[in-house]
Amino acid sequence: MTCGSIQRVTVSLCGKLKRLPFTLPLRHGQPSVPPNIEFIRMSEKSWKTLDWDHPQYKNILHPFVKKNNLRYIFLLILFRLL
């Protein structure tokens, strides 16, 4: 999946997630940050265990990762119950 226009990614309660099937846009032949990305929200454990299609993807996207905290997960579960 090419993600040139992706803005937000939220992953929660997905313990078996192994990879995010992204293809980052190229700039000068190298993968680069999608121009519209705001954040990727997921647990630190999930982020650390992901497999990537390209060795640079993890380093490129890491500055945009916001770690899930317990309050966020609680609110997410609450809204799913409504």
PDB file of N, CA and C in Angstrom:
ATOM      1  N   MET A   1       0.851  -1.169   0.000  1.00  0.00           N
ATOM      2  CA  MET A   1       0.000   0.000   0.000  1.00  0.00           C
ATOM      3  C   MET A   1       0.898   1.234   0.000  1.00  0.00           C
ATOM      4  N   THR A   2       0.760   2.081  -0.999  1.00  0.00           N
ATOM      5  CA  THR A   2       1.502   3.336  -1.038  1.00  0.00           C
ATOM      6  C   THR A   2       0.801   4.325  -0.130  1.00  0.00           C
ATOM      7  N   CYS A   3       1.567   5.007   0.703  1.00  0.00           N
ATOM      8  CA  CYS A   3       0.920   5.872   1.702  1.00  0.00           C
ATOM      9  C   CYS A   3       1.379   7.322   1.573  1.00  0.00           C
ATOM     10  N   GLY A   4       1.408   7.848   0.382  1.00  0.00           N
ATOM     11  CA  GLY A   4       1.819   9.228   0.182  1.00  0.00           C
ATOM     12  C   GLY A   4       0.891  10.247   0.805  1.00  0.00           C
ATOM     13  N   SER A   5      -0.379   9.899   1.000  1.00  0.00           N
ATOM     14  CA  SER A   5      -1.326  10.866   1.562  1.00  0.00           C
ATOM     15  C   SER A   5      -1.812  10.472   2.957  1.00  0.00           C
ATOM     16  N   ILE A   6      -1.223   9.462   3.554  1.00  0.00           N
ATOM     17  CA  ILE A   6      -1.668   9.015   4.880  1.00  0.00           C
ATOM     18  C   ILE A   6      -1.399  10.101   5.915  1.00  0.00           C
ATOM     19  N   GLN A   7      -2.345  10.270   6.848  1.00  0.00           N
ATOM     20  CA  GLN A   7      -2.206  11.303   7.869  1.00  0.00           C
ATOM     21  C   GLN A   7      -2.030  10.711   9.262  1.00  0.00           C
ATOM     22  N   ARG A   8      -2.873   9.740   9.599  1.00  0.00           N
ATOM     23  CA  ARG A   8      -2.855   9.181  10.953  1.00  0.00           C
ATOM     24  C   ARG A   8      -2.995   7.676  10.891  1.00  0.00           C
ATOM     25  N   VAL A   9      -2.270   7.011  11.783  1.00  0.00           N
ATOM     26  CA  VAL A   9      -2.395   5.570  11.931  1.00  0.00           C
ATOM     27  C   VAL A   9      -2.575   5.303  13.416  1.00  0.00           C
ATOM     28  N   THR A  10      -3.620   4.579  13.781  1.00  0.00           N
ATOM     29  CA  THR A  10      -3.831   4.193  15.171  1.00  0.00           C
ATOM     30  C   THR A  10      -3.965   2.685  15.231  1.00  0.00           C
ATOM     31  N   VAL A  11      -3.126   2.080  16.045  1.00  0.00           N
ATOM     32  CA  VAL A  11      -3.151   0.634  16.239  1.00  0.00           C
ATOM     33  C   VAL A  11      -3.322   0.388  17.727  1.00  0.00           C
ATOM     34  N   SER A  12      -4.346  -0.363  18.086  1.00  0.00           N
ATOM     35  CA  SER A  12      -4.545  -0.678  19.500  1.00  0.00           C
ATOM     36  C   SER A  12      -5.159  -2.060  19.627  1.00  0.00           C
ATOM     37  N   LEU A  13      -4.772  -2.729  20.674  1.00  0.00           N
ATOM     38  CA  LEU A  13      -5.305  -4.051  20.999  1.00  0.00           C
ATOM     39  C   LEU A  13      -5.118  -5.033  19.836  1.00  0.00           C
ATOM     40  N   CYS A  14      -3.955  -4.956  19.188  1.00  0.00           N
ATOM     41  CA  CYS A  14      -3.618  -5.837  18.057  1.00  0.00           C
ATOM     42  C   CYS A  14      -2.315  -6.564  18.364  1.00  0.00           C
ATOM     43  N   GLY A  15      -2.345  -7.434  19.336  1.00  0.00           N
ATOM     44  CA  GLY A  15      -1.145  -8.110  19.802  1.00  0.00           C
ATOM     45  C   GLY A  15      -0.453  -8.970  18.758  1.00  0.00           C
ATOM     46  N   LYS A  16      -1.174  -9.391  17.725  1.00  0.00           N
ATOM     47  CA  LYS A  16      -0.587 -10.258  16.708  1.00  0.00           C
ATOM     48  C   LYS A  16      -0.129  -9.501  15.461  1.00  0.00           C
ATOM     49  N   LEU A  17      -0.190  -8.189  15.490  1.00  0.00           N
ATOM     50  CA  LEU A  17       0.235  -7.395  14.354  1.00  0.00           C
ATOM     51  C   LEU A  17       1.725  -7.611  14.101  1.00  0.00           C
ATOM     52  N   LYS A  18       2.080  -7.933  12.872  1.00  0.00           N
ATOM     53  CA  LYS A  18       3.474  -8.210  12.524  1.00  0.00           C
ATOM     54  C   LYS A  18       4.084  -7.144  11.630  1.00  0.00           C
ATOM     55  N   ARG A  19       3.278  -6.494  10.803  1.00  0.00           N
ATOM     56  CA  ARG A  19       3.842  -5.504   9.895  1.00  0.00           C
ATOM     57  C   ARG A  19       2.783  -4.500   9.468  1.00  0.00           C
ATOM     58  N   LEU A  20       3.252  -3.332   9.087  1.00  0.00           N
ATOM     59  CA  LEU A  20       2.422  -2.318   8.453  1.00  0.00           C
ATOM     60  C   LEU A  20       2.835  -2.302   6.988  1.00  0.00           C
ATOM     61  N   PRO A  21       1.951  -2.662   6.084  1.00  0.00           N
ATOM     62  CA  PRO A  21       2.325  -2.841   4.677  1.00  0.00           C
ATOM     63  C   PRO A  21       2.428  -1.519   3.912  1.00  0.00           C
ATOM     64  N   PHE A  22       3.317  -0.653   4.366  1.00  0.00           N
ATOM     65  CA  PHE A  22       3.488   0.646   3.741  1.00  0.00           C
ATOM     66  C   PHE A  22       4.556   0.601   2.660  1.00  0.00           C
ATOM     67  N   THR A  23       4.352   1.401   1.637  1.00  0.00           N
ATOM     68  CA  THR A  23       5.395   1.758   0.693  1.00  0.00           C
ATOM     69  C   THR A  23       5.505   3.270   0.770  1.00  0.00           C
ATOM     70  N   LEU A  24       6.609   3.759   1.304  1.00  0.00           N
ATOM     71  CA  LEU A  24       6.769   5.192   1.479  1.00  0.00           C
ATOM     72  C   LEU A  24       7.111   5.852   0.148  1.00  0.00           C
ATOM     73  N   PRO A  25       6.726   7.131   0.002  1.00  0.00           N
ATOM     74  CA  PRO A  25       7.070   7.845  -1.232  1.00  0.00           C
ATOM     75  C   PRO A  25       8.587   7.986  -1.352  1.00  0.00           C
ATOM     76  N   LEU A  26       9.058   8.066  -2.590  1.00  0.00           N
ATOM     77  CA  LEU A  26      10.495   8.215  -2.838  1.00  0.00           C
ATOM     78  C   LEU A  26      10.848   9.671  -3.104  1.00  0.00           C
ATOM     79  N   ARG A  27      11.985  10.079  -2.577  1.00  0.00           N
ATOM     80  CA  ARG A  27      12.546  11.396  -2.863  1.00  0.00           C
ATOM     81  C   ARG A  27      14.016  11.177  -3.182  1.00  0.00           C
ATOM     82  N   HIS A  28      14.421  11.535  -4.359  1.00  0.00           N
ATOM     83  CA  HIS A  28      15.795  11.306  -4.825  1.00  0.00           C
ATOM     84  C   HIS A  28      16.158   9.828  -4.741  1.00  0.00           C
ATOM     85  N   GLY A  29      15.184   8.968  -5.029  1.00  0.00           N
ATOM     86  CA  GLY A  29      15.419   7.531  -5.039  1.00  0.00           C
ATOM     87  C   GLY A  29      15.433   6.864  -3.678  1.00  0.00           C
ATOM     88  N   GLN A  30      15.184   7.629  -2.614  1.00  0.00           N
ATOM     89  CA  GLN A  30      15.194   7.089  -1.257  1.00  0.00           C
ATOM     90  C   GLN A  30      13.810   7.245  -0.623  1.00  0.00           C
ATOM     91  N   PRO A  31      13.410   6.288   0.248  1.00  0.00           N
ATOM     92  CA  PRO A  31      12.128   6.439   0.945  1.00  0.00           C
ATOM     93  C   PRO A  31      12.130   7.710   1.788  1.00  0.00           C
ATOM     94  N   SER A  32      10.980   8.378   1.816  1.00  0.00           N
ATOM     95  CA  SER A  32      10.881   9.617   2.586  1.00  0.00           C
ATOM     96  C   SER A  32       9.571   9.651   3.367  1.00  0.00           C
ATOM     97  N   VAL A  33       9.476  10.609   4.256  1.00  0.00           N
ATOM     98  CA  VAL A  33       8.291  10.786   5.101  1.00  0.00           C
ATOM     99  C   VAL A  33       7.100  11.169   4.226  1.00  0.00           C
ATOM    100  N   PRO A  34       5.942  10.523   4.418  1.00  0.00           N
ATOM    101  CA  PRO A  34       4.745  10.975   3.705  1.00  0.00           C
ATOM    102  C   PRO A  34       4.466  12.439   4.073  1.00  0.00           C
ATOM    103  N   PRO A  35       4.182  13.289   3.124  1.00  0.00           N
ATOM    104  CA  PRO A  35       4.084  14.726   3.390  1.00  0.00           C
ATOM    105  C   PRO A  35       2.984  15.130   4.371  1.00  0.00           C
ATOM    106  N   ASN A  36       1.936  14.328   4.506  1.00  0.00           N
ATOM    107  CA  ASN A  36       0.809  14.723   5.361  1.00  0.00           C
ATOM    108  C   ASN A  36       0.764  13.999   6.702  1.00  0.00           C
ATOM    109  N   ILE A  37       1.749  13.187   7.013  1.00  0.00           N
ATOM    110  CA  ILE A  37       1.644  12.367   8.222  1.00  0.00           C
ATOM    111  C   ILE A  37       1.678  13.230   9.479  1.00  0.00           C
ATOM    112  N   GLU A  38       0.771  12.907  10.399  1.00  0.00           N
ATOM    113  CA  GLU A  38       0.702  13.602  11.677  1.00  0.00           C
ATOM    114  C   GLU A  38       1.224  12.714  12.798  1.00  0.00           C
ATOM    115  N   PHE A  39       0.729  11.466  12.862  1.00  0.00           N
ATOM    116  CA  PHE A  39       1.204  10.569  13.907  1.00  0.00           C
ATOM    117  C   PHE A  39       0.888   9.120  13.581  1.00  0.00           C
ATOM    118  N   ILE A  40       1.604   8.245  14.266  1.00  0.00           N
ATOM    119  CA  ILE A  40       1.314   6.815  14.308  1.00  0.00           C
ATOM    120  C   ILE A  40       1.177   6.495  15.790  1.00  0.00           C
ATOM    121  N   ARG A  41       0.004   6.062  16.205  1.00  0.00           N
ATOM    122  CA  ARG A  41      -0.235   5.793  17.623  1.00  0.00           C
ATOM    123  C   ARG A  41      -0.311   4.284  17.820  1.00  0.00           C
ATOM    124  N   MET A  42       0.596   3.776  18.661  1.00  0.00           N
ATOM    125  CA  MET A  42       0.606   2.353  18.980  1.00  0.00           C
ATOM    126  C   MET A  42       1.492   2.135  20.196  1.00  0.00           C
ATOM    127  N   SER A  43       1.415   0.939  20.764  1.00  0.00           N
ATOM    128  CA  SER A  43       2.235   0.643  21.932  1.00  0.00           C
ATOM    129  C   SER A  43       3.698   0.512  21.526  1.00  0.00           C
ATOM    130  N   GLU A  44       4.563   0.786  22.467  1.00  0.00           N
ATOM    131  CA  GLU A  44       5.997   0.672  22.200  1.00  0.00           C
ATOM    132  C   GLU A  44       6.379  -0.765  21.866  1.00  0.00           C
ATOM    133  N   LYS A  45       5.768  -1.707  22.545  1.00  0.00           N
ATOM    134  CA  LYS A  45       6.057  -3.117  22.276  1.00  0.00           C
ATOM    135  C   LYS A  45       5.691  -3.478  20.833  1.00  0.00           C
ATOM    136  N   SER A  46       4.532  -3.049  20.379  1.00  0.00           N
ATOM    137  CA  SER A  46       4.115  -3.316  19.004  1.00  0.00           C
ATOM    138  C   SER A  46       5.074  -2.677  18.011  1.00  0.00           C
ATOM    139  N   TRP A  47       5.462  -1.435  18.269  1.00  0.00           N
ATOM    140  CA  TRP A  47       6.377  -0.735  17.364  1.00  0.00           C
ATOM    141  C   TRP A  47       7.704  -1.482  17.249  1.00  0.00           C
ATOM    142  N   LYS A  48       8.226  -1.919  18.380  1.00  0.00           N
ATOM    143  CA  LYS A  48       9.534  -2.578  18.386  1.00  0.00           C
ATOM    144  C   LYS A  48       9.525  -3.932  17.684  1.00  0.00           C
ATOM    145  N   THR A  49       8.382  -4.599  17.638  1.00  0.00           N
ATOM    146  CA  THR A  49       8.343  -5.950  17.072  1.00  0.00           C
ATOM    147  C   THR A  49       7.877  -5.992  15.614  1.00  0.00           C
ATOM    148  N   LEU A  50       7.580  -4.842  15.015  1.00  0.00           N
ATOM    149  CA  LEU A  50       7.117  -4.833  13.626  1.00  0.00           C
ATOM    150  C   LEU A  50       8.228  -5.247  12.659  1.00  0.00           C
ATOM    151  N   ASP A  51       7.839  -5.966  11.612  1.00  0.00           N
ATOM    152  CA  ASP A  51       8.722  -6.269  10.495  1.00  0.00           C
ATOM    153  C   ASP A  51       8.441  -5.236   9.407  1.00  0.00           C
ATOM    154  N   TRP A  52       9.492  -4.812   8.703  1.00  0.00           N
ATOM    155  CA  TRP A  52       9.358  -3.753   7.706  1.00  0.00           C
ATOM    156  C   TRP A  52       9.787  -4.236   6.338  1.00  0.00           C
ATOM    157  N   ASP A  53       9.123  -3.715   5.300  1.00  0.00           N
ATOM    158  CA  ASP A  53       9.449  -4.068   3.918  1.00  0.00           C
ATOM    159  C   ASP A  53      10.763  -3.443   3.458  1.00  0.00           C
ATOM    160  N   HIS A  54      11.185  -2.376   4.090  1.00  0.00           N
ATOM    161  CA  HIS A  54      12.418  -1.682   3.726  1.00  0.00           C
ATOM    162  C   HIS A  54      13.174  -1.365   5.024  1.00  0.00           C
ATOM    163  N   PRO A  55      14.488  -1.536   5.053  1.00  0.00           N
ATOM    164  CA  PRO A  55      15.226  -1.332   6.302  1.00  0.00           C
ATOM    165  C   PRO A  55      15.184   0.093   6.839  1.00  0.00           C
ATOM    166  N   GLN A  56      14.893   1.099   6.007  1.00  0.00           N
ATOM    167  CA  GLN A  56      14.874   2.490   6.482  1.00  0.00           C
ATOM    168  C   GLN A  56      13.508   2.947   6.993  1.00  0.00           C
ATOM    169  N   TYR A  57      12.460   2.208   6.689  1.00  0.00           N
ATOM    170  CA  TYR A  57      11.108   2.665   7.042  1.00  0.00           C
ATOM    171  C   TYR A  57      10.941   2.947   8.534  1.00  0.00           C
ATOM    172  N   LYS A  58      11.433   2.068   9.368  1.00  0.00           N
ATOM    173  CA  LYS A  58      11.252   2.225  10.815  1.00  0.00           C
ATOM    174  C   LYS A  58      11.901   3.526  11.295  1.00  0.00           C
ATOM    175  N   ASN A  59      13.116   3.808  10.845  1.00  0.00           N
ATOM    176  CA  ASN A  59      13.809   5.035  11.252  1.00  0.00           C
ATOM    177  C   ASN A  59      13.125   6.283  10.708  1.00  0.00           C
ATOM    178  N   ILE A  60      12.598   6.207   9.509  1.00  0.00           N
ATOM    179  CA  ILE A  60      11.926   7.352   8.898  1.00  0.00           C
ATOM    180  C   ILE A  60      10.648   7.703   9.652  1.00  0.00           C
ATOM    181  N   LEU A  61       9.891   6.686  10.050  1.00  0.00           N
ATOM    182  CA  LEU A  61       8.589   6.917  10.688  1.00  0.00           C
ATOM    183  C   LEU A  61       8.663   7.096  12.203  1.00  0.00           C
ATOM    184  N   HIS A  62       9.754   6.682  12.825  1.00  0.00           N
ATOM    185  CA  HIS A  62       9.850   6.707  14.285  1.00  0.00           C
ATOM    186  C   HIS A  62       9.547   8.069  14.918  1.00  0.00           C
ATOM    187  N   PRO A  63       9.989   9.190  14.350  1.00  0.00           N
ATOM    188  CA  PRO A  63       9.673  10.490  14.975  1.00  0.00           C
ATOM    189  C   PRO A  63       8.170  10.783  15.069  1.00  0.00           C
ATOM    190  N   PHE A  64       7.355  10.065  14.332  1.00  0.00           N
ATOM    191  CA  PHE A  64       5.914  10.316  14.329  1.00  0.00           C
ATOM    192  C   PHE A  64       5.137   9.374  15.245  1.00  0.00           C
ATOM    193  N   VAL A  65       5.842   8.479  15.919  1.00  0.00           N
ATOM    194  CA  VAL A  65       5.173   7.504  16.783  1.00  0.00           C
ATOM    195  C   VAL A  65       4.825   8.159  18.111  1.00  0.00           C
ATOM    196  N   LYS A  66       3.553   8.028  18.476  1.00  0.00           N
ATOM    197  CA  LYS A  66       3.077   8.445  19.794  1.00  0.00           C
ATOM    198  C   LYS A  66       2.646   7.179  20.508  1.00  0.00           C
ATOM    199  N   LYS A  67       3.211   6.948  21.649  1.00  0.00           N
ATOM    200  CA  LYS A  67       2.926   5.718  22.380  1.00  0.00           C
ATOM    201  C   LYS A  67       1.532   5.762  22.986  1.00  0.00           C
ATOM    202  N   ASN A  68       0.805   4.654  22.870  1.00  0.00           N
ATOM    203  CA  ASN A  68      -0.485   4.531  23.539  1.00  0.00           C
ATOM    204  C   ASN A  68      -0.252   4.547  25.040  1.00  0.00           C
ATOM    205  N   ASN A  69      -1.120   5.215  25.751  1.00  0.00           N
ATOM    206  CA  ASN A  69      -1.060   5.151  27.206  1.00  0.00           C
ATOM    207  C   ASN A  69      -2.368   4.546  27.717  1.00  0.00           C
ATOM    208  N   LEU A  70      -2.401   4.223  28.976  1.00  0.00           N
ATOM    209  CA  LEU A  70      -3.573   3.537  29.533  1.00  0.00           C
ATOM    210  C   LEU A  70      -4.845   4.364  29.409  1.00  0.00           C
ATOM    211  N   ARG A  71      -4.748   5.669  29.588  1.00  0.00           N
ATOM    212  CA  ARG A  71      -5.937   6.519  29.474  1.00  0.00           C
ATOM    213  C   ARG A  71      -6.506   6.444  28.051  1.00  0.00           C
ATOM    214  N   TYR A  72      -5.645   6.500  27.054  1.00  0.00           N
ATOM    215  CA  TYR A  72      -6.085   6.426  25.667  1.00  0.00           C
ATOM    216  C   TYR A  72      -6.762   5.087  25.386  1.00  0.00           C
ATOM    217  N   ILE A  73      -6.164   3.998  25.835  1.00  0.00           N
ATOM    218  CA  ILE A  73      -6.736   2.663  25.616  1.00  0.00           C
ATOM    219  C   ILE A  73      -8.079   2.536  26.323  1.00  0.00           C
ATOM    220  N   PHE A  74      -8.193   3.060  27.550  1.00  0.00           N
ATOM    221  CA  PHE A  74      -9.461   3.028  28.278  1.00  0.00           C
ATOM    222  C   PHE A  74     -10.549   3.763  27.493  1.00  0.00           C
ATOM    223  N   LEU A  75     -10.235   4.945  26.977  1.00  0.00           N
ATOM    224  CA  LEU A  75     -11.222   5.712  26.207  1.00  0.00           C
ATOM    225  C   LEU A  75     -11.609   4.987  24.931  1.00  0.00           C
ATOM    226  N   LEU A  76     -10.653   4.355  24.291  1.00  0.00           N
ATOM    227  CA  LEU A  76     -10.923   3.610  23.076  1.00  0.00           C
ATOM    228  C   LEU A  76     -11.888   2.453  23.356  1.00  0.00           C
ATOM    229  N   ILE A  77     -11.638   1.716  24.408  1.00  0.00           N
ATOM    230  CA  ILE A  77     -12.521   0.612  24.791  1.00  0.00           C
ATOM    231  C   ILE A  77     -13.907   1.127  25.146  1.00  0.00           C
ATOM    232  N   LEU A  78     -13.967   2.229  25.888  1.00  0.00           N
ATOM    233  CA  LEU A  78     -15.243   2.812  26.275  1.00  0.00           C
ATOM    234  C   LEU A  78     -16.066   3.203  25.056  1.00  0.00           C
ATOM    235  N   PHE A  79     -15.467   3.848  24.059  1.00  0.00           N
ATOM    236  CA  PHE A  79     -16.192   4.262  22.876  1.00  0.00           C
ATOM    237  C   PHE A  79     -16.649   3.064  22.037  1.00  0.00           C
ATOM    238  N   ARG A  80     -15.908   1.983  22.077  1.00  0.00           N
ATOM    239  CA  ARG A  80     -16.336   0.781  21.359  1.00  0.00           C
ATOM    240  C   ARG A  80     -17.563   0.140  22.003  1.00  0.00           C
ATOM    241  N   LEU A  81     -17.714   0.360  23.296  1.00  0.00           N
ATOM    242  CA  LEU A  81     -18.867  -0.225  23.997  1.00  0.00           C
ATOM    243  C   LEU A  81     -20.133   0.583  23.800  1.00  0.00           C
ATOM    244  N   LEU A  82     -20.003   1.833  23.404  1.00  0.00           N
ATOM    245  CA  LEU A  82     -21.187   2.708  23.241  1.00  0.00           C
ATOM    246  C   LEU A  82     -21.935   2.413  21.960  1.00  0.00           C
TER     247      LEU A  82
END
